[in-house]
Amino acid sequence: MPTTTRRDFIVSAAVASAAFGLDGWLSLPTAAAARHRHHARHKHQAQHAQQVRAKTPDPPRGHFRYTVGEAEIIALYDGIWEKAHDPAYFSNASIDETKQALAAGGFTTDFVTIPITVFVVKLKGKIILCDAGGGDQVQAFNPQSAFVSGKMIRHLNEVGIDPKQIETVLVSHYHPDHIFGLLGKNTDAPVFPSAEIIVPAAEHKFWTDPAVIDRLPEARRPLARRIQAVVAMWKNVLPVDGEDEVVPGIRFVSTPGHTPGHTAFHLSSGNEQLMFSNDTVYVPALCAAHPGWHGVFDQDAVLAETSRRKLMDRVVADRMLICGTHFPWPGLGTITKDGAGYSVVLRTA
């Protein structure tokens, strides 16, 4: 298909699906609770951020079901981050280049659209949660940004699942928009009290090391303190080394770089496969189309690029489905190699 035709389709499809009402496939072309030391300043910023409302509408239905072999996947909408443009977002791509990549994908250039989707897997009689969203506990401290999360539980209830029914939670990494949904907003009480929480051992070791706090940037220290004071004390947390089958049908896939122990999840059922890329491939219009762009949220950007390319090459080679926490809702797609980057075809709900 000629590039111009494809891009014409992208723009019209993206506009139509902006309200999450289009049922079809959307192609993305290659082009690309915390406490702080300065408490008073950050409290003011948090209050200001709460006054900023997301411009992106919620999907009409906050859940989306599909099957992979015998597995049922339920995508749950948790919220969205409308991230203000920042020259530090990528160390080797400018704001103008970022906007061009977003425009090429048919997205607004006013901000970077970063949805948050949580995935439930029902397989072999088990109910598994893949990450837990932000739990309405993540603030955007930039006055131009809006960060909304914590809607996952409502949508979980809508599909008839009580949090107490969740038997296993797989954690990809310990960033707030992936784990704060595990902790009560004001109490730190476990939201999924009956679940075994399986985490990558390298990730758990990094964040629970008391010495890491002084090595982290100031903004990350409250996160490490909360992990060490709460999550590290839970008896139901199981750190797992390597790429074991952590539950029947799902294996860990090591994808370090975004964080030291960042992990993807590989589901296999019958002849079908699905890769939960988590934050290995976060915003496809940017880091799938431009896998060499080095993002500020990647702790080791060079290693993150290596992991990203390796994972996408595997998905392409095996012709498997791919989903991602920050893919456009409902977070499901296919991927092909396209020149120096990758082209993602995304499912719209």
Protein backbone atom coordinates (compact mmCIF):
# COMPACT_ATOMS: atom_id res chain seq x y z
CA MET A 1 0.00 0.00 0.00
CA PRO A 2 1.48 3.40 -0.89
CA THR A 3 2.59 5.46 2.09
CA THR A 4 0.44 8.44 1.17
CA THR A 5 -2.69 6.30 1.01
CA ARG A 6 -1.85 4.65 4.32
CA ARG A 7 -1.28 7.97 6.04
CA ASP A 8 -4.50 9.38 4.64
CA PHE A 9 -6.23 6.38 6.24
CA ILE A 10 -4.40 6.88 9.50
CA VAL A 11 -5.48 10.47 9.93
CA SER A 12 -9.14 9.77 9.20
CA ALA A 13 -9.16 6.58 11.30
CA ALA A 14 -7.47 8.24 14.26
CA VAL A 15 -9.92 11.14 14.21
CA ALA A 16 -12.84 8.72 14.03
CA SER A 17 -11.50 6.62 16.87
CA ALA A 18 -10.64 9.58 19.09
CA ALA A 19 -13.92 9.05 20.90
CA PHE A 20 -13.15 5.29 21.04
CA GLY A 21 -16.19 4.49 18.93
CA LEU A 22 -14.58 2.96 15.85
CA ASP A 23 -14.58 -0.80 15.55
CA GLY A 24 -11.70 -1.87 13.31
CA TRP A 25 -7.93 -1.70 12.94
CA LEU A 26 -5.80 1.42 13.10
CA SER A 27 -2.37 1.37 11.44
CA LEU A 28 0.53 3.40 12.78
CA PRO A 29 3.11 4.16 10.09
CA THR A 30 6.83 4.43 10.67
CA ALA A 31 7.73 8.12 11.32
CA ALA A 32 7.93 7.01 15.02
CA ALA A 33 0.96 9.58 46.58
CA ALA A 34 4.22 10.35 47.14
CA ARG A 35 6.14 12.55 49.53
CA HIS A 36 8.95 14.79 48.41
CA ARG A 37 11.58 16.75 50.27
CA HIS A 38 10.17 20.04 49.05
CA HIS A 39 6.72 19.06 50.26
CA ALA A 40 5.04 22.45 50.09
CA ARG A 41 6.04 23.08 46.47
CA HIS A 42 4.99 19.64 45.33
CA LYS A 43 1.71 19.84 47.26
CA HIS A 44 0.89 23.03 45.37
CA GLN A 45 1.79 21.35 42.08
CA ALA A 46 -0.37 18.33 42.90
CA GLN A 47 -3.32 20.56 43.71
CA HIS A 48 -2.80 22.41 40.46
CA ALA A 49 -2.54 19.15 38.54
CA GLN A 50 -5.82 17.93 40.00
CA GLN A 51 -7.49 20.97 38.46
CA VAL A 52 -6.29 19.93 34.98
CA ARG A 53 -8.80 17.61 33.37
CA ALA A 54 -7.93 15.20 30.60
CA LYS A 55 -9.21 16.26 27.19
CA THR A 56 -9.35 12.70 25.87
CA PRO A 57 -12.76 11.10 26.45
CA ASP A 58 -13.05 7.75 28.21
CA PRO A 59 -14.00 4.85 25.96
CA PRO A 60 -17.76 4.21 25.96
CA ARG A 61 -17.03 0.80 27.49
CA GLY A 62 -14.08 0.38 29.83
CA HIS A 63 -13.41 -3.26 29.02
CA PHE A 64 -12.59 -5.18 25.85
CA ARG A 65 -12.54 -8.97 25.51
CA TYR A 66 -10.69 -11.17 23.04
CA THR A 67 -9.23 -14.66 22.93
CA VAL A 68 -5.77 -16.06 22.27
CA GLY A 69 -6.14 -19.80 21.89
CA GLU A 70 -8.00 -20.96 24.99
CA ALA A 71 -7.08 -17.82 26.94
CA GLU A 72 -9.56 -15.00 27.39
CA ILE A 73 -7.97 -11.56 27.65
CA ILE A 74 -9.90 -8.67 29.17
CA ALA A 75 -8.41 -5.22 28.65
CA LEU A 76 -9.44 -2.79 31.41
CA TYR A 77 -9.18 0.96 30.92
CA ASP A 78 -7.39 2.55 33.90
CA GLY A 79 -6.92 6.13 32.70
CA ILE A 80 -4.71 8.37 30.61
CA TRP A 81 -1.73 10.68 30.83
CA GLU A 82 -1.78 13.68 28.52
CA LYS A 83 1.90 14.46 28.85
CA ALA A 84 3.05 17.98 28.11
CA HIS A 85 5.88 18.27 25.60
CA ASP A 86 9.30 18.46 27.18
CA PRO A 87 12.67 18.80 25.40
CA ALA A 88 14.09 16.21 27.83
CA TYR A 89 11.51 13.54 26.87
CA PHE A 90 13.94 12.06 24.35
CA SER A 91 17.65 12.75 24.52
CA ASN A 92 18.06 12.30 20.77
CA ALA A 93 14.75 13.61 19.39
CA SER A 94 13.41 17.15 19.56
CA ILE A 95 9.90 18.30 20.40
CA ASP A 96 9.35 19.06 16.72
CA GLU A 97 10.39 15.51 15.78
CA THR A 98 8.11 14.12 18.47
CA LYS A 99 5.20 16.16 17.13
CA GLN A 100 5.94 15.02 13.58
CA ALA A 101 5.86 11.38 14.71
CA LEU A 102 2.57 11.90 16.53
CA ALA A 103 1.05 13.66 13.52
CA ALA A 104 2.23 10.85 11.23
CA GLY A 105 0.31 8.45 13.47
CA GLY A 106 -2.81 10.60 13.35
CA PHE A 107 -2.58 11.79 16.96
CA THR A 108 -2.88 15.25 18.43
CA THR A 109 0.38 17.18 18.67
CA ASP A 110 -0.86 19.26 21.62
CA PHE A 111 0.53 16.66 24.03
CA VAL A 112 1.74 13.05 24.10
CA THR A 113 -1.25 10.75 24.59
CA ILE A 114 -0.33 7.91 26.98
CA PRO A 115 -3.30 5.67 27.86
CA ILE A 116 -3.10 3.18 30.73
CA THR A 117 -4.54 -0.29 30.16
CA VAL A 118 -4.49 -3.23 32.58
CA PHE A 119 -4.96 -6.79 31.34
CA VAL A 120 -6.75 -9.75 32.91
CA VAL A 121 -6.01 -13.25 31.63
CA LYS A 122 -8.42 -16.13 32.27
CA LEU A 123 -6.63 -19.38 31.43
CA LYS A 124 -6.78 -22.95 32.72
CA GLY A 125 -9.23 -21.98 35.44
CA LYS A 126 -7.00 -19.17 36.74
CA ILE A 127 -7.63 -15.42 36.84
CA ILE A 128 -4.40 -13.46 36.38
CA LEU A 129 -3.91 -9.69 36.49
CA CYS A 130 -1.06 -8.22 34.48
CA ASP A 131 0.11 -5.08 36.33
CA ALA A 132 -2.36 -2.96 38.30
CA GLY A 133 -2.44 0.59 36.94
CA GLY A 134 -1.97 3.80 38.89
CA GLY A 135 -4.72 3.50 41.48
CA ASP A 136 -5.60 7.23 41.28
CA GLN A 137 -2.32 7.90 43.06
CA VAL A 138 -0.08 9.30 40.32
CA GLN A 139 0.18 13.04 39.83
CA ALA A 140 1.44 14.98 36.83
CA PHE A 141 3.51 17.77 38.32
CA ASN A 142 3.61 19.71 35.07
CA PRO A 143 0.72 22.23 35.04
CA GLN A 144 0.10 21.48 31.36
CA SER A 145 -0.26 17.74 31.94
CA ALA A 146 -3.28 15.74 33.02
CA PHE A 147 -2.84 12.33 34.67
CA VAL A 148 -5.94 10.24 35.37
CA SER A 149 -5.79 6.68 36.72
CA GLY A 150 -7.56 4.31 39.07
CA LYS A 151 -10.52 3.37 36.87
CA MET A 152 -9.47 -0.25 36.52
CA ILE A 153 -11.30 -1.54 39.62
CA ARG A 154 -14.63 -0.18 38.44
CA HIS A 155 -14.20 -1.87 35.07
CA LEU A 156 -13.05 -5.07 36.77
CA ASN A 157 -16.31 -5.12 38.70
CA GLU A 158 -18.24 -4.44 35.48
CA VAL A 159 -16.95 -7.70 34.00
CA GLY A 160 -18.04 -9.59 37.12
CA ILE A 161 -14.66 -10.02 38.81
CA ASP A 162 -14.18 -9.16 42.47
CA PRO A 163 -10.61 -8.16 43.43
CA LYS A 164 -10.63 -11.09 45.89
CA GLN A 165 -10.98 -13.45 42.92
CA ILE A 166 -7.63 -12.42 41.46
CA GLU A 167 -5.32 -15.34 42.19
CA THR A 168 -2.12 -14.03 40.63
CA VAL A 169 -0.75 -10.61 39.80
CA LEU A 170 2.19 -10.41 37.41
CA VAL A 171 4.27 -7.26 37.85
CA SER A 172 6.41 -6.05 34.97
CA HIS A 173 8.28 -3.37 36.91
CA TYR A 174 7.88 -1.07 39.89
CA HIS A 175 6.88 2.22 38.27
CA PRO A 176 3.87 3.93 39.91
CA ASP A 177 1.49 3.62 36.96
CA HIS A 178 1.97 -0.15 37.08
CA ILE A 179 1.94 -0.92 40.83
CA PHE A 180 0.12 1.79 42.76
CA GLY A 181 -3.13 0.02 41.86
CA LEU A 182 -1.95 -2.75 44.20
CA LEU A 183 -2.05 -0.43 47.22
CA GLY A 184 -4.98 1.33 48.85
CA LYS A 185 -4.85 5.03 48.07
CA ASN A 186 -4.91 6.28 51.65
CA THR A 187 -4.16 3.10 53.56
CA ASP A 188 -1.52 1.14 51.58
CA ALA A 189 -3.73 -1.91 52.25
CA PRO A 190 -3.48 -4.64 49.60
CA VAL A 191 -6.16 -4.25 46.95
CA PHE A 192 -5.80 -7.91 45.90
CA PRO A 193 -5.47 -9.65 49.29
CA SER A 194 -5.90 -13.18 47.95
CA ALA A 195 -3.37 -12.90 45.15
CA GLU A 196 0.18 -14.12 44.86
CA ILE A 197 2.19 -11.24 43.42
CA ILE A 198 4.93 -12.49 41.10
CA VAL A 199 7.68 -9.99 40.32
CA PRO A 200 10.99 -10.13 38.44
CA ALA A 201 13.70 -10.85 41.01
CA ALA A 202 16.10 -8.29 39.51
CA GLU A 203 13.45 -5.58 39.73
CA HIS A 204 12.53 -6.47 43.31
CA LYS A 205 16.17 -6.62 44.39
CA PHE A 206 16.91 -3.18 42.92
CA TRP A 207 14.00 -1.32 44.49
CA THR A 208 14.16 -3.04 47.90
CA ASP A 209 17.88 -2.41 48.43
CA PRO A 210 18.08 0.22 51.23
CA ALA A 211 21.18 1.69 49.61
CA VAL A 212 19.34 2.47 46.37
CA ILE A 213 17.48 5.43 47.86
CA ASP A 214 20.56 7.63 48.02
CA ARG A 215 21.54 6.63 44.48
CA LEU A 216 18.20 7.53 42.94
CA PRO A 217 17.21 10.96 41.62
CA GLU A 218 15.27 12.96 44.18
CA ALA A 219 11.97 12.44 42.37
CA ARG A 220 12.28 8.63 42.53
CA ARG A 221 13.19 8.32 46.22
CA PRO A 222 9.61 8.42 47.60
CA LEU A 223 8.73 5.54 45.26
CA ALA A 224 11.59 3.41 46.59
CA ARG A 225 10.66 4.27 50.18
CA ARG A 226 7.04 3.24 49.63
CA ILE A 227 8.07 -0.03 47.97
CA GLN A 228 10.42 -0.84 50.84
CA ALA A 229 7.93 0.12 53.54
CA VAL A 230 4.91 -1.66 52.01
CA VAL A 231 5.43 -4.04 49.10
CA ALA A 232 8.66 -5.52 50.47
CA MET A 233 6.83 -6.40 53.71
CA TRP A 234 4.03 -8.35 52.02
CA LYS A 235 4.31 -12.13 52.50
CA ASN A 236 2.58 -12.87 49.19
CA VAL A 237 5.28 -11.32 46.96
CA LEU A 238 7.27 -13.90 45.03
CA PRO A 239 10.42 -12.73 43.20
CA VAL A 240 11.24 -14.98 40.23
CA ASP A 241 14.58 -15.19 38.44
CA GLY A 242 14.99 -15.69 34.73
CA GLU A 243 12.34 -16.46 32.14
CA ASP A 244 10.36 -19.17 33.87
CA GLU A 245 6.76 -20.12 33.19
CA VAL A 246 5.32 -18.17 36.11
CA VAL A 247 1.76 -19.43 35.61
CA PRO A 248 0.61 -22.14 33.20
CA GLY A 249 0.79 -20.64 29.73
CA ILE A 250 2.66 -17.43 30.61
CA ARG A 251 6.43 -16.92 30.79
CA PHE A 252 8.49 -13.97 31.90
CA VAL A 253 10.61 -12.37 29.16
CA SER A 254 13.57 -10.31 30.36
CA THR A 255 13.53 -6.81 28.82
CA PRO A 256 15.78 -4.66 31.03
CA GLY A 257 16.58 -1.02 30.40
CA HIS A 258 13.36 0.80 31.14
CA THR A 259 14.11 -0.35 34.68
CA PRO A 260 16.81 -2.80 35.80
CA GLY A 261 14.44 -5.76 35.90
CA HIS A 262 11.72 -4.72 33.48
CA THR A 263 9.92 -7.78 32.14
CA ALA A 264 7.48 -8.61 29.36
CA PHE A 265 5.01 -11.50 29.51
CA HIS A 266 4.65 -14.14 26.79
CA LEU A 267 1.36 -16.01 26.58
CA SER A 268 1.08 -19.17 24.51
CA SER A 269 -2.11 -21.17 24.05
CA GLY A 270 -2.48 -23.75 21.30
CA ASN A 271 -1.00 -22.26 18.15
CA GLU A 272 -1.57 -18.66 19.23
CA GLN A 273 0.74 -16.29 21.05
CA LEU A 274 0.50 -12.86 22.67
CA MET A 275 3.35 -10.69 23.93
CA PHE A 276 2.55 -8.26 26.75
CA SER A 277 5.25 -5.71 25.97
CA ASN A 278 4.42 -3.59 29.03
CA ASP A 279 6.83 -0.62 28.84
CA THR A 280 9.33 -2.20 26.47
CA VAL A 281 7.32 -0.62 23.67
CA TYR A 282 5.34 2.12 25.36
CA VAL A 283 4.00 4.68 22.83
CA PRO A 284 4.07 2.88 19.45
CA ALA A 285 3.85 6.06 17.35
CA LEU A 286 7.13 7.12 18.95
CA CYS A 287 9.24 4.20 20.12
CA ALA A 288 8.06 1.50 17.72
CA ALA A 289 8.33 3.78 14.72
CA HIS A 290 11.59 5.18 16.16
CA PRO A 291 13.09 2.41 18.32
CA GLY A 292 16.37 4.28 18.59
CA TRP A 293 14.87 7.24 20.42
CA HIS A 294 16.11 7.29 24.01
CA GLY A 295 13.39 8.23 26.48
CA VAL A 296 13.92 9.98 29.80
CA PHE A 297 11.90 7.30 31.61
CA ASP A 298 14.26 4.55 30.46
CA GLN A 299 16.74 4.07 33.27
CA ASP A 300 19.33 2.70 30.85
CA ALA A 301 18.28 4.03 27.46
CA VAL A 302 20.83 2.09 25.42
CA LEU A 303 19.87 -1.20 27.05
CA ALA A 304 16.18 -0.31 26.70
CA GLU A 305 16.66 0.16 22.95
CA THR A 306 18.37 -3.23 22.69
CA SER A 307 15.52 -4.90 24.60
CA ARG A 308 12.91 -3.07 22.53
CA ARG A 309 14.37 -4.13 19.19
CA LYS A 310 14.93 -7.70 20.34
CA LEU A 311 11.35 -8.03 21.59
CA MET A 312 9.79 -6.54 18.46
CA ASP A 313 11.97 -8.72 16.23
CA ARG A 314 10.73 -11.77 18.12
CA VAL A 315 7.10 -10.69 17.76
CA VAL A 316 7.59 -10.11 14.04
CA ALA A 317 9.43 -13.41 13.47
CA ASP A 318 6.81 -15.46 15.32
CA ARG A 319 3.88 -13.48 13.87
CA MET A 320 2.34 -13.11 17.29
CA LEU A 321 -0.04 -10.50 18.67
CA ILE A 322 1.36 -7.75 20.86
CA CYS A 323 -0.28 -5.61 23.51
CA GLY A 324 1.02 -2.79 25.68
CA THR A 325 0.06 -0.81 28.75
CA HIS A 326 0.35 2.49 26.89
CA PHE A 327 -0.83 1.43 23.44
CA PRO A 328 -3.94 3.24 22.20
CA TRP A 329 -7.03 1.64 23.74
CA PRO A 330 -7.61 -1.30 23.93
CA GLY A 331 -3.90 -1.92 23.62
CA LEU A 332 -3.79 -4.79 21.11
CA GLY A 333 -2.03 -5.02 17.76
CA THR A 334 0.29 -6.68 15.30
CA ILE A 335 3.69 -5.48 14.19
CA THR A 336 5.90 -5.63 11.12
CA LYS A 337 9.40 -4.42 10.31
CA ASP A 338 9.26 -1.19 8.31
CA GLY A 339 12.60 0.25 7.22
CA ALA A 340 14.57 1.41 10.24
CA GLY A 341 11.58 1.10 12.50
CA TYR A 342 8.45 -0.96 12.99
CA SER A 343 4.88 -0.50 11.83
CA VAL A 344 2.14 -1.35 14.30
CA VAL A 345 -1.43 -2.15 13.36
CA LEU A 346 -3.62 -1.51 16.38
CA ARG A 347 -7.04 -2.85 17.21
CA THR A 348 -9.64 -0.21 18.03
CA ALA A 349 -12.53 -1.07 20.30
